[in-house]
Amino acid sequence: MSKHQTIDASDDAPGNADTLPAQLTAKETQTLMWCSKGKTSWEIARIQNCSESTVNFHFSNIRRKFAVRSRSAALLKAIESGAISVDLTESRGTDEPD
């Protein structure tokens, strides 16, 4: 049997009530905000004036803190937990109907 910890499917389920909100650093929060705007690791690295490896390190920490396997799941958990807030009207163009 493998010594690696198995990840239960319920870990990715939204609204897992028995976990406390993740404590994100300022850089992790900023990284998630840029991710919510559709930026890639390379683009975020240029914006934050750091290496792409550093951005990926932030994402690794974020995924660990939220106990999820993907950036998308981490972003969803961050929004649901209130760790970040996303203004939906900001991301839409002005010519898009409501």
PDB file of N, CA and C in Angstrom:
ATOM      1  N   MET A   1       0.836  -1.184   0.000  1.00  0.00           N
ATOM      2  CA  MET A   1       0.000   0.000   0.000  1.00  0.00           C
ATOM      3  C   MET A   1       0.879   1.244   0.000  1.00  0.00           C
ATOM      4  N   SER A   2       0.497   2.232  -0.723  1.00  0.00           N
ATOM      5  CA  SER A   2       1.274   3.458  -0.834  1.00  0.00           C
ATOM      6  C   SER A   2       1.198   4.274   0.454  1.00  0.00           C
ATOM      7  N   LYS A   3       2.310   4.950   0.762  1.00  0.00           N
ATOM      8  CA  LYS A   3       2.340   5.801   1.943  1.00  0.00           C
ATOM      9  C   LYS A   3       1.795   7.191   1.648  1.00  0.00           C
ATOM     10  N   HIS A   4       1.473   7.465   0.382  1.00  0.00           N
ATOM     11  CA  HIS A   4       0.948   8.771   0.025  1.00  0.00           C
ATOM     12  C   HIS A   4      -0.461   8.927   0.560  1.00  0.00           C
ATOM     13  N   GLN A   5      -0.767  10.130   0.981  1.00  0.00           N
ATOM     14  CA  GLN A   5      -2.092  10.419   1.492  1.00  0.00           C
ATOM     15  C   GLN A   5      -3.076  10.429   0.336  1.00  0.00           C
ATOM     16  N   THR A   6      -4.189   9.750   0.512  1.00  0.00           N
ATOM     17  CA  THR A   6      -5.212   9.764  -0.521  1.00  0.00           C
ATOM     18  C   THR A   6      -6.090  10.985  -0.314  1.00  0.00           C
ATOM     19  N   ILE A   7      -6.553  11.521  -1.402  1.00  0.00           N
ATOM     20  CA  ILE A   7      -7.419  12.688  -1.333  1.00  0.00           C
ATOM     21  C   ILE A   7      -8.825  12.230  -1.650  1.00  0.00           C
ATOM     22  N   ASP A   8      -9.694  12.410  -0.690  1.00  0.00           N
ATOM     23  CA  ASP A   8     -11.088  12.032  -0.825  1.00  0.00           C
ATOM     24  C   ASP A   8     -11.764  12.995  -1.793  1.00  0.00           C
ATOM     25  N   ALA A   9     -12.716  12.503  -2.561  1.00  0.00           N
ATOM     26  CA  ALA A   9     -13.427  13.353  -3.510  1.00  0.00           C
ATOM     27  C   ALA A   9     -14.160  14.474  -2.791  1.00  0.00           C
ATOM     28  N   SER A  10     -14.545  14.264  -1.541  1.00  0.00           N
ATOM     29  CA  SER A  10     -15.257  15.302  -0.804  1.00  0.00           C
ATOM     30  C   SER A  10     -14.356  16.498  -0.491  1.00  0.00           C
ATOM     31  N   ASP A  11     -13.030  16.333  -0.593  1.00  0.00           N
ATOM     32  CA  ASP A  11     -12.111  17.449  -0.356  1.00  0.00           C
ATOM     33  C   ASP A  11     -12.304  18.557  -1.374  1.00  0.00           C
ATOM     34  N   ASP A  12     -12.726  18.203  -2.585  1.00  0.00           N
ATOM     35  CA  ASP A  12     -12.952  19.192  -3.630  1.00  0.00           C
ATOM     36  C   ASP A  12     -14.375  19.721  -3.617  1.00  0.00           C
ATOM     37  N   ALA A  13     -15.232  19.172  -2.747  1.00  0.00           N
ATOM     38  CA  ALA A  13     -16.630  19.574  -2.712  1.00  0.00           C
ATOM     39  C   ALA A  13     -16.754  20.971  -2.111  1.00  0.00           C
ATOM     40  N   PRO A  14     -17.547  21.839  -2.766  1.00  0.00           N
ATOM     41  CA  PRO A  14     -17.716  23.178  -2.218  1.00  0.00           C
ATOM     42  C   PRO A  14     -18.475  23.149  -0.897  1.00  0.00           C
ATOM     43  N   GLY A  15     -18.152  24.080  -0.025  1.00  0.00           N
ATOM     44  CA  GLY A  15     -18.870  24.214   1.220  1.00  0.00           C
ATOM     45  C   GLY A  15     -18.519  23.178   2.268  1.00  0.00           C
ATOM     46  N   ASN A  16     -17.299  22.672   2.253  1.00  0.00           N
ATOM     47  CA  ASN A  16     -16.863  21.718   3.258  1.00  0.00           C
ATOM     48  C   ASN A  16     -16.825  22.453   4.597  1.00  0.00           C
ATOM     49  N   ALA A  17     -17.847  22.224   5.458  1.00  0.00           N
ATOM     50  CA  ALA A  17     -18.099  23.053   6.634  1.00  0.00           C
ATOM     51  C   ALA A  17     -17.098  22.854   7.765  1.00  0.00           C
ATOM     52  N   ASP A  18     -16.427  21.716   7.835  1.00  0.00           N
ATOM     53  CA  ASP A  18     -15.573  21.452   8.977  1.00  0.00           C
ATOM     54  C   ASP A  18     -14.142  21.940   8.792  1.00  0.00           C
ATOM     55  N   THR A  19     -13.898  22.794   7.799  1.00  0.00           N
ATOM     56  CA  THR A  19     -12.562  23.369   7.624  1.00  0.00           C
ATOM     57  C   THR A  19     -12.625  24.873   7.842  1.00  0.00           C
ATOM     58  N   LEU A  20     -11.581  25.420   8.425  1.00  0.00           N
ATOM     59  CA  LEU A  20     -11.499  26.859   8.623  1.00  0.00           C
ATOM     60  C   LEU A  20     -11.064  27.522   7.325  1.00  0.00           C
ATOM     61  N   PRO A  21     -11.420  28.793   7.133  1.00  0.00           N
ATOM     62  CA  PRO A  21     -10.961  29.480   5.923  1.00  0.00           C
ATOM     63  C   PRO A  21      -9.431  29.504   5.858  1.00  0.00           C
ATOM     64  N   ALA A  22      -8.907  29.309   4.671  1.00  0.00           N
ATOM     65  CA  ALA A  22      -7.453  29.304   4.486  1.00  0.00           C
ATOM     66  C   ALA A  22      -6.906  30.704   4.714  1.00  0.00           C
ATOM     67  N   GLN A  23      -5.750  30.771   5.337  1.00  0.00           N
ATOM     68  CA  GLN A  23      -5.061  32.040   5.549  1.00  0.00           C
ATOM     69  C   GLN A  23      -4.056  32.234   4.425  1.00  0.00           C
ATOM     70  N   LEU A  24      -4.403  33.076   3.475  1.00  0.00           N
ATOM     71  CA  LEU A  24      -3.549  33.317   2.322  1.00  0.00           C
ATOM     72  C   LEU A  24      -2.653  34.520   2.575  1.00  0.00           C
ATOM     73  N   THR A  25      -1.434  34.460   2.031  1.00  0.00           N
ATOM     74  CA  THR A  25      -0.540  35.611   2.082  1.00  0.00           C
ATOM     75  C   THR A  25      -1.017  36.646   1.074  1.00  0.00           C
ATOM     76  N   ALA A  26      -0.463  37.830   1.156  1.00  0.00           N
ATOM     77  CA  ALA A  26      -0.826  38.896   0.222  1.00  0.00           C
ATOM     78  C   ALA A  26      -0.497  38.495  -1.217  1.00  0.00           C
ATOM     79  N   LYS A  27       0.674  37.881  -1.413  1.00  0.00           N
ATOM     80  CA  LYS A  27       1.072  37.464  -2.770  1.00  0.00           C
ATOM     81  C   LYS A  27       0.166  36.345  -3.294  1.00  0.00           C
ATOM     82  N   GLU A  28      -0.234  35.419  -2.421  1.00  0.00           N
ATOM     83  CA  GLU A  28      -1.139  34.340  -2.835  1.00  0.00           C
ATOM     84  C   GLU A  28      -2.499  34.917  -3.231  1.00  0.00           C
ATOM     85  N   THR A  29      -2.979  35.874  -2.458  1.00  0.00           N
ATOM     86  CA  THR A  29      -4.256  36.515  -2.772  1.00  0.00           C
ATOM     87  C   THR A  29      -4.166  37.257  -4.100  1.00  0.00           C
ATOM     88  N   GLN A  30      -3.068  37.993  -4.289  1.00  0.00           N
ATOM     89  CA  GLN A  30      -2.866  38.728  -5.537  1.00  0.00           C
ATOM     90  C   GLN A  30      -2.781  37.758  -6.725  1.00  0.00           C
ATOM     91  N   THR A  31      -2.094  36.659  -6.530  1.00  0.00           N
ATOM     92  CA  THR A  31      -1.968  35.650  -7.581  1.00  0.00           C
ATOM     93  C   THR A  31      -3.332  35.090  -7.964  1.00  0.00           C
ATOM     94  N   LEU A  32      -4.167  34.795  -6.961  1.00  0.00           N
ATOM     95  CA  LEU A  32      -5.516  34.292  -7.239  1.00  0.00           C
ATOM     96  C   LEU A  32      -6.368  35.337  -7.954  1.00  0.00           C
ATOM     97  N   MET A  33      -6.209  36.593  -7.580  1.00  0.00           N
ATOM     98  CA  MET A  33      -6.981  37.656  -8.236  1.00  0.00           C
ATOM     99  C   MET A  33      -6.633  37.747  -9.723  1.00  0.00           C
ATOM    100  N   TRP A  34      -5.332  37.668 -10.039  1.00  0.00           N
ATOM    101  CA  TRP A  34      -4.930  37.705 -11.448  1.00  0.00           C
ATOM    102  C   TRP A  34      -5.413  36.456 -12.168  1.00  0.00           C
ATOM    103  N   CYS A  35      -5.398  35.318 -11.480  1.00  0.00           N
ATOM    104  CA  CYS A  35      -5.900  34.069 -12.063  1.00  0.00           C
ATOM    105  C   CYS A  35      -7.388  34.200 -12.396  1.00  0.00           C
ATOM    106  N   SER A  36      -8.141  34.861 -11.511  1.00  0.00           N
ATOM    107  CA  SER A  36      -9.576  35.045 -11.747  1.00  0.00           C
ATOM    108  C   SER A  36      -9.834  35.907 -12.981  1.00  0.00           C
ATOM    109  N   LYS A  37      -8.852  36.704 -13.359  1.00  0.00           N
ATOM    110  CA  LYS A  37      -8.971  37.545 -14.557  1.00  0.00           C
ATOM    111  C   LYS A  37      -8.460  36.844 -15.808  1.00  0.00           C
ATOM    112  N   GLY A  38      -8.097  35.556 -15.648  1.00  0.00           N
ATOM    113  CA  GLY A  38      -7.699  34.760 -16.806  1.00  0.00           C
ATOM    114  C   GLY A  38      -6.225  34.809 -17.150  1.00  0.00           C
ATOM    115  N   LYS A  39      -5.401  35.343 -16.267  1.00  0.00           N
ATOM    116  CA  LYS A  39      -3.969  35.451 -16.550  1.00  0.00           C
ATOM    117  C   LYS A  39      -3.270  34.103 -16.345  1.00  0.00           C
ATOM    118  N   THR A  40      -2.265  33.841 -17.156  1.00  0.00           N
ATOM    119  CA  THR A  40      -1.457  32.628 -17.040  1.00  0.00           C
ATOM    120  C   THR A  40      -0.342  32.857 -16.022  1.00  0.00           C
ATOM    121  N   SER A  41       0.342  31.793 -15.651  1.00  0.00           N
ATOM    122  CA  SER A  41       1.476  31.920 -14.726  1.00  0.00           C
ATOM    123  C   SER A  41       2.530  32.867 -15.289  1.00  0.00           C
ATOM    124  N   TRP A  42       2.794  32.760 -16.569  1.00  0.00           N
ATOM    125  CA  TRP A  42       3.787  33.621 -17.207  1.00  0.00           C
ATOM    126  C   TRP A  42       3.372  35.090 -17.107  1.00  0.00           C
ATOM    127  N   GLU A  43       2.087  35.365 -17.391  1.00  0.00           N
ATOM    128  CA  GLU A  43       1.605  36.747 -17.323  1.00  0.00           C
ATOM    129  C   GLU A  43       1.632  37.282 -15.887  1.00  0.00           C
ATOM    130  N   ILE A  44       1.214  36.445 -14.930  1.00  0.00           N
ATOM    131  CA  ILE A  44       1.226  36.851 -13.530  1.00  0.00           C
ATOM    132  C   ILE A  44       2.654  37.137 -13.071  1.00  0.00           C
ATOM    133  N   ALA A  45       3.594  36.320 -13.519  1.00  0.00           N
ATOM    134  CA  ALA A  45       5.004  36.532 -13.167  1.00  0.00           C
ATOM    135  C   ALA A  45       5.482  37.894 -13.668  1.00  0.00           C
ATOM    136  N   ARG A  46       5.101  38.264 -14.881  1.00  0.00           N
ATOM    137  CA  ARG A  46       5.508  39.563 -15.427  1.00  0.00           C
ATOM    138  C   ARG A  46       4.859  40.694 -14.637  1.00  0.00           C
ATOM    139  N   ILE A  47       3.590  40.534 -14.271  1.00  0.00           N
ATOM    140  CA  ILE A  47       2.869  41.567 -13.527  1.00  0.00           C
ATOM    141  C   ILE A  47       3.473  41.744 -12.138  1.00  0.00           C
ATOM    142  N   GLN A  48       3.789  40.626 -11.467  1.00  0.00           N
ATOM    143  CA  GLN A  48       4.300  40.674 -10.097  1.00  0.00           C
ATOM    144  C   GLN A  48       5.816  40.828 -10.036  1.00  0.00           C
ATOM    145  N   ASN A  49       6.440  40.903 -11.196  1.00  0.00           N
ATOM    146  CA  ASN A  49       7.891  41.065 -11.283  1.00  0.00           C
ATOM    147  C   ASN A  49       8.636  39.966 -10.516  1.00  0.00           C
ATOM    148  N   CYS A  50       8.291  38.721 -10.843  1.00  0.00           N
ATOM    149  CA  CYS A  50       8.946  37.565 -10.231  1.00  0.00           C
ATOM    150  C   CYS A  50       9.059  36.481 -11.299  1.00  0.00           C
ATOM    151  N   SER A  51       9.578  35.329 -10.934  1.00  0.00           N
ATOM    152  CA  SER A  51       9.709  34.251 -11.910  1.00  0.00           C
ATOM    153  C   SER A  51       8.412  33.444 -11.993  1.00  0.00           C
ATOM    154  N   GLU A  52       8.255  32.753 -13.096  1.00  0.00           N
ATOM    155  CA  GLU A  52       7.102  31.877 -13.278  1.00  0.00           C
ATOM    156  C   GLU A  52       7.106  30.767 -12.229  1.00  0.00           C
ATOM    157  N   SER A  53       8.291  30.319 -11.831  1.00  0.00           N
ATOM    158  CA  SER A  53       8.414  29.303 -10.780  1.00  0.00           C
ATOM    159  C   SER A  53       7.853  29.810  -9.459  1.00  0.00           C
ATOM    160  N   THR A  54       8.071  31.071  -9.162  1.00  0.00           N
ATOM    161  CA  THR A  54       7.536  31.661  -7.931  1.00  0.00           C
ATOM    162  C   THR A  54       6.013  31.670  -7.961  1.00  0.00           C
ATOM    163  N   VAL A  55       5.444  32.031  -9.090  1.00  0.00           N
ATOM    164  CA  VAL A  55       3.988  32.024  -9.236  1.00  0.00           C
ATOM    165  C   VAL A  55       3.453  30.607  -9.052  1.00  0.00           C
ATOM    166  N   ASN A  56       4.104  29.641  -9.674  1.00  0.00           N
ATOM    167  CA  ASN A  56       3.669  28.251  -9.529  1.00  0.00           C
ATOM    168  C   ASN A  56       3.818  27.770  -8.090  1.00  0.00           C
ATOM    169  N   PHE A  57       4.839  28.261  -7.379  1.00  0.00           N
ATOM    170  CA  PHE A  57       5.010  27.956  -5.964  1.00  0.00           C
ATOM    171  C   PHE A  57       3.830  28.501  -5.163  1.00  0.00           C
ATOM    172  N   HIS A  58       3.406  29.743  -5.476  1.00  0.00           N
ATOM    173  CA  HIS A  58       2.240  30.324  -4.810  1.00  0.00           C
ATOM    174  C   HIS A  58       1.002  29.464  -5.060  1.00  0.00           C
ATOM    175  N   PHE A  59       0.810  29.038  -6.311  1.00  0.00           N
ATOM    176  CA  PHE A  59      -0.345  28.196  -6.630  1.00  0.00           C
ATOM    177  C   PHE A  59      -0.285  26.861  -5.895  1.00  0.00           C
ATOM    178  N   SER A  60       0.895  26.308  -5.760  1.00  0.00           N
ATOM    179  CA  SER A  60       1.059  25.056  -5.015  1.00  0.00           C
ATOM    180  C   SER A  60       0.638  25.238  -3.557  1.00  0.00           C
ATOM    181  N   ASN A  61       1.069  26.333  -2.954  1.00  0.00           N
ATOM    182  CA  ASN A  61       0.677  26.623  -1.572  1.00  0.00           C
ATOM    183  C   ASN A  61      -0.822  26.857  -1.448  1.00  0.00           C
ATOM    184  N   ILE A  62      -1.389  27.558  -2.409  1.00  0.00           N
ATOM    185  CA  ILE A  62      -2.830  27.834  -2.405  1.00  0.00           C
ATOM    186  C   ILE A  62      -3.615  26.530  -2.488  1.00  0.00           C
ATOM    187  N   ARG A  63      -3.213  25.642  -3.415  1.00  0.00           N
ATOM    188  CA  ARG A  63      -3.906  24.349  -3.558  1.00  0.00           C
ATOM    189  C   ARG A  63      -3.800  23.531  -2.279  1.00  0.00           C
ATOM    190  N   ARG A  64      -2.632  23.567  -1.643  1.00  0.00           N
ATOM    191  CA  ARG A  64      -2.452  22.833  -0.385  1.00  0.00           C
ATOM    192  C   ARG A  64      -3.344  23.403   0.710  1.00  0.00           C
ATOM    193  N   LYS A  65      -3.390  24.709   0.820  1.00  0.00           N
ATOM    194  CA  LYS A  65      -4.183  25.352   1.866  1.00  0.00           C
ATOM    195  C   LYS A  65      -5.678  25.081   1.704  1.00  0.00           C
ATOM    196  N   PHE A  66      -6.135  24.999   0.465  1.00  0.00           N
ATOM    197  CA  PHE A  66      -7.546  24.715   0.212  1.00  0.00           C
ATOM    198  C   PHE A  66      -7.822  23.216   0.033  1.00  0.00           C
ATOM    199  N   ALA A  67      -6.782  22.399   0.074  1.00  0.00           N
ATOM    200  CA  ALA A  67      -6.894  20.945  -0.069  1.00  0.00           C
ATOM    201  C   ALA A  67      -7.616  20.557  -1.357  1.00  0.00           C
ATOM    202  N   VAL A  68      -7.161  21.152  -2.470  1.00  0.00           N
ATOM    203  CA  VAL A  68      -7.719  20.851  -3.778  1.00  0.00           C
ATOM    204  C   VAL A  68      -6.586  20.507  -4.745  1.00  0.00           C
ATOM    205  N   ARG A  69      -6.952  20.003  -5.895  1.00  0.00           N
ATOM    206  CA  ARG A  69      -5.956  19.543  -6.871  1.00  0.00           C
ATOM    207  C   ARG A  69      -5.713  20.482  -8.039  1.00  0.00           C
ATOM    208  N   SER A  70      -6.567  21.474  -8.223  1.00  0.00           N
ATOM    209  CA  SER A  70      -6.412  22.330  -9.400  1.00  0.00           C
ATOM    210  C   SER A  70      -6.563  23.807  -9.049  1.00  0.00           C
ATOM    211  N   ARG A  71      -6.096  24.653  -9.945  1.00  0.00           N
ATOM    212  CA  ARG A  71      -6.238  26.096  -9.771  1.00  0.00           C
ATOM    213  C   ARG A  71      -7.704  26.494  -9.788  1.00  0.00           C
ATOM    214  N   SER A  72      -8.454  25.865 -10.670  1.00  0.00           N
ATOM    215  CA  SER A  72      -9.873  26.196 -10.777  1.00  0.00           C
ATOM    216  C   SER A  72     -10.603  25.899  -9.474  1.00  0.00           C
ATOM    217  N   ALA A  73     -10.313  24.746  -8.893  1.00  0.00           N
ATOM    218  CA  ALA A  73     -10.941  24.374  -7.626  1.00  0.00           C
ATOM    219  C   ALA A  73     -10.490  25.325  -6.516  1.00  0.00           C
ATOM    220  N   ALA A  74      -9.226  25.715  -6.524  1.00  0.00           N
ATOM    221  CA  ALA A  74      -8.713  26.650  -5.520  1.00  0.00           C
ATOM    222  C   ALA A  74      -9.397  28.010  -5.669  1.00  0.00           C
ATOM    223  N   LEU A  75      -9.554  28.459  -6.898  1.00  0.00           N
ATOM    224  CA  LEU A  75     -10.208  29.735  -7.150  1.00  0.00           C
ATOM    225  C   LEU A  75     -11.655  29.694  -6.669  1.00  0.00           C
ATOM    226  N   LEU A  76     -12.355  28.613  -6.958  1.00  0.00           N
ATOM    227  CA  LEU A  76     -13.731  28.457  -6.514  1.00  0.00           C
ATOM    228  C   LEU A  76     -13.816  28.481  -4.987  1.00  0.00           C
ATOM    229  N   LYS A  77     -12.942  27.733  -4.318  1.00  0.00           N
ATOM    230  CA  LYS A  77     -12.940  27.700  -2.851  1.00  0.00           C
ATOM    231  C   LYS A  77     -12.612  29.071  -2.274  1.00  0.00           C
ATOM    232  N   ALA A  78     -11.693  29.789  -2.893  1.00  0.00           N
ATOM    233  CA  ALA A  78     -11.319  31.122  -2.414  1.00  0.00           C
ATOM    234  C   ALA A  78     -12.499  32.080  -2.505  1.00  0.00           C
ATOM    235  N   ILE A  79     -13.244  31.999  -3.586  1.00  0.00           N
ATOM    236  CA  ILE A  79     -14.415  32.859  -3.753  1.00  0.00           C
ATOM    237  C   ILE A  79     -15.502  32.466  -2.765  1.00  0.00           C
ATOM    238  N   GLU A  80     -15.770  31.152  -2.644  1.00  0.00           N
ATOM    239  CA  GLU A  80     -16.815  30.673  -1.734  1.00  0.00           C
ATOM    240  C   GLU A  80     -16.505  31.004  -0.278  1.00  0.00           C
ATOM    241  N   SER A  81     -15.246  30.930   0.103  1.00  0.00           N
ATOM    242  CA  SER A  81     -14.867  31.174   1.502  1.00  0.00           C
ATOM    243  C   SER A  81     -14.730  32.655   1.819  1.00  0.00           C
ATOM    244  N   GLY A  82     -14.731  33.494   0.791  1.00  0.00           N
ATOM    245  CA  GLY A  82     -14.579  34.922   1.000  1.00  0.00           C
ATOM    246  C   GLY A  82     -13.130  35.369   1.073  1.00  0.00           C
ATOM    247  N   ALA A  83     -12.192  34.455   0.770  1.00  0.00           N
ATOM    248  CA  ALA A  83     -10.770  34.811   0.786  1.00  0.00           C
ATOM    249  C   ALA A  83     -10.471  35.859  -0.277  1.00  0.00           C
ATOM    250  N   ILE A  84     -11.195  35.810  -1.397  1.00  0.00           N
ATOM    251  CA  ILE A  84     -11.112  36.845  -2.420  1.00  0.00           C
ATOM    252  C   ILE A  84     -12.528  37.153  -2.885  1.00  0.00           C
ATOM    253  N   SER A  85     -12.713  38.328  -3.414  1.00  0.00           N
ATOM    254  CA  SER A  85     -14.010  38.669  -3.997  1.00  0.00           C
ATOM    255  C   SER A  85     -13.773  39.094  -5.441  1.00  0.00           C
ATOM    256  N   VAL A  86     -14.671  38.674  -6.291  1.00  0.00           N
ATOM    257  CA  VAL A  86     -14.535  38.940  -7.714  1.00  0.00           C
ATOM    258  C   VAL A  86     -15.734  39.761  -8.149  1.00  0.00           C
ATOM    259  N   ASP A  87     -15.469  40.904  -8.748  1.00  0.00           N
ATOM    260  CA  ASP A  87     -16.530  41.751  -9.269  1.00  0.00           C
ATOM    261  C   ASP A  87     -16.853  41.276 -10.677  1.00  0.00           C
ATOM    262  N   LEU A  88     -18.015  40.646 -10.832  1.00  0.00           N
ATOM    263  CA  LEU A  88     -18.386  40.074 -12.126  1.00  0.00           C
ATOM    264  C   LEU A  88     -18.630  41.149 -13.172  1.00  0.00           C
ATOM    265  N   THR A  89     -19.098  42.318 -12.792  1.00  0.00           N
ATOM    266  CA  THR A  89     -19.347  43.375 -13.786  1.00  0.00           C
ATOM    267  C   THR A  89     -18.058  43.933 -14.344  1.00  0.00           C
ATOM    268  N   GLU A  90     -16.974  43.851 -13.574  1.00  0.00           N
ATOM    269  CA  GLU A  90     -15.678  44.375 -14.025  1.00  0.00           C
ATOM    270  C   GLU A  90     -15.114  43.556 -15.185  1.00  0.00           C
ATOM    271  N   SER A  91     -15.361  42.236 -15.182  1.00  0.00           N
ATOM    272  CA  SER A  91     -14.758  41.366 -16.188  1.00  0.00           C
ATOM    273  C   SER A  91     -15.534  41.364 -17.507  1.00  0.00           C
ATOM    274  N   ARG A  92     -16.774  41.851 -17.492  1.00  0.00           N
ATOM    275  CA  ARG A  92     -17.579  41.871 -18.727  1.00  0.00           C
ATOM    276  C   ARG A  92     -17.352  43.154 -19.482  1.00  0.00           C
ATOM    277  N   GLY A  93     -17.492  43.076 -20.772  1.00  0.00           N
ATOM    278  CA  GLY A  93     -17.378  44.272 -21.595  1.00  0.00           C
ATOM    279  C   GLY A  93     -18.612  45.142 -21.460  1.00  0.00           C
ATOM    280  N   THR A  94     -18.494  46.408 -21.821  1.00  0.00           N
ATOM    281  CA  THR A  94     -19.625  47.335 -21.680  1.00  0.00           C
ATOM    282  C   THR A  94     -20.695  47.085 -22.731  1.00  0.00           C
ATOM    283  N   ASP A  95     -20.347  46.423 -23.820  1.00  0.00           N
ATOM    284  CA  ASP A  95     -21.322  46.187 -24.867  1.00  0.00           C
ATOM    285  C   ASP A  95     -22.079  44.864 -24.696  1.00  0.00           C
ATOM    286  N   GLU A  96     -21.795  44.128 -23.621  1.00  0.00           N
ATOM    287  CA  GLU A  96     -22.495  42.879 -23.372  1.00  0.00           C
ATOM    288  C   GLU A  96     -23.805  43.166 -22.649  1.00  0.00           C
ATOM    289  N   PRO A  97     -24.906  42.541 -23.103  1.00  0.00           N
ATOM    290  CA  PRO A  97     -26.195  42.778 -22.433  1.00  0.00           C
ATOM    291  C   PRO A  97     -26.228  42.103 -21.064  1.00  0.00           C
ATOM    292  N   ASP A  98     -27.081  42.637 -20.184  1.00  0.00           N
ATOM    293  CA  ASP A  98     -27.244  42.061 -18.849  1.00  0.00           C
ATOM    294  C   ASP A  98     -28.000  40.765 -18.895  1.00  0.00           C
TER     295      ASP A  98
END
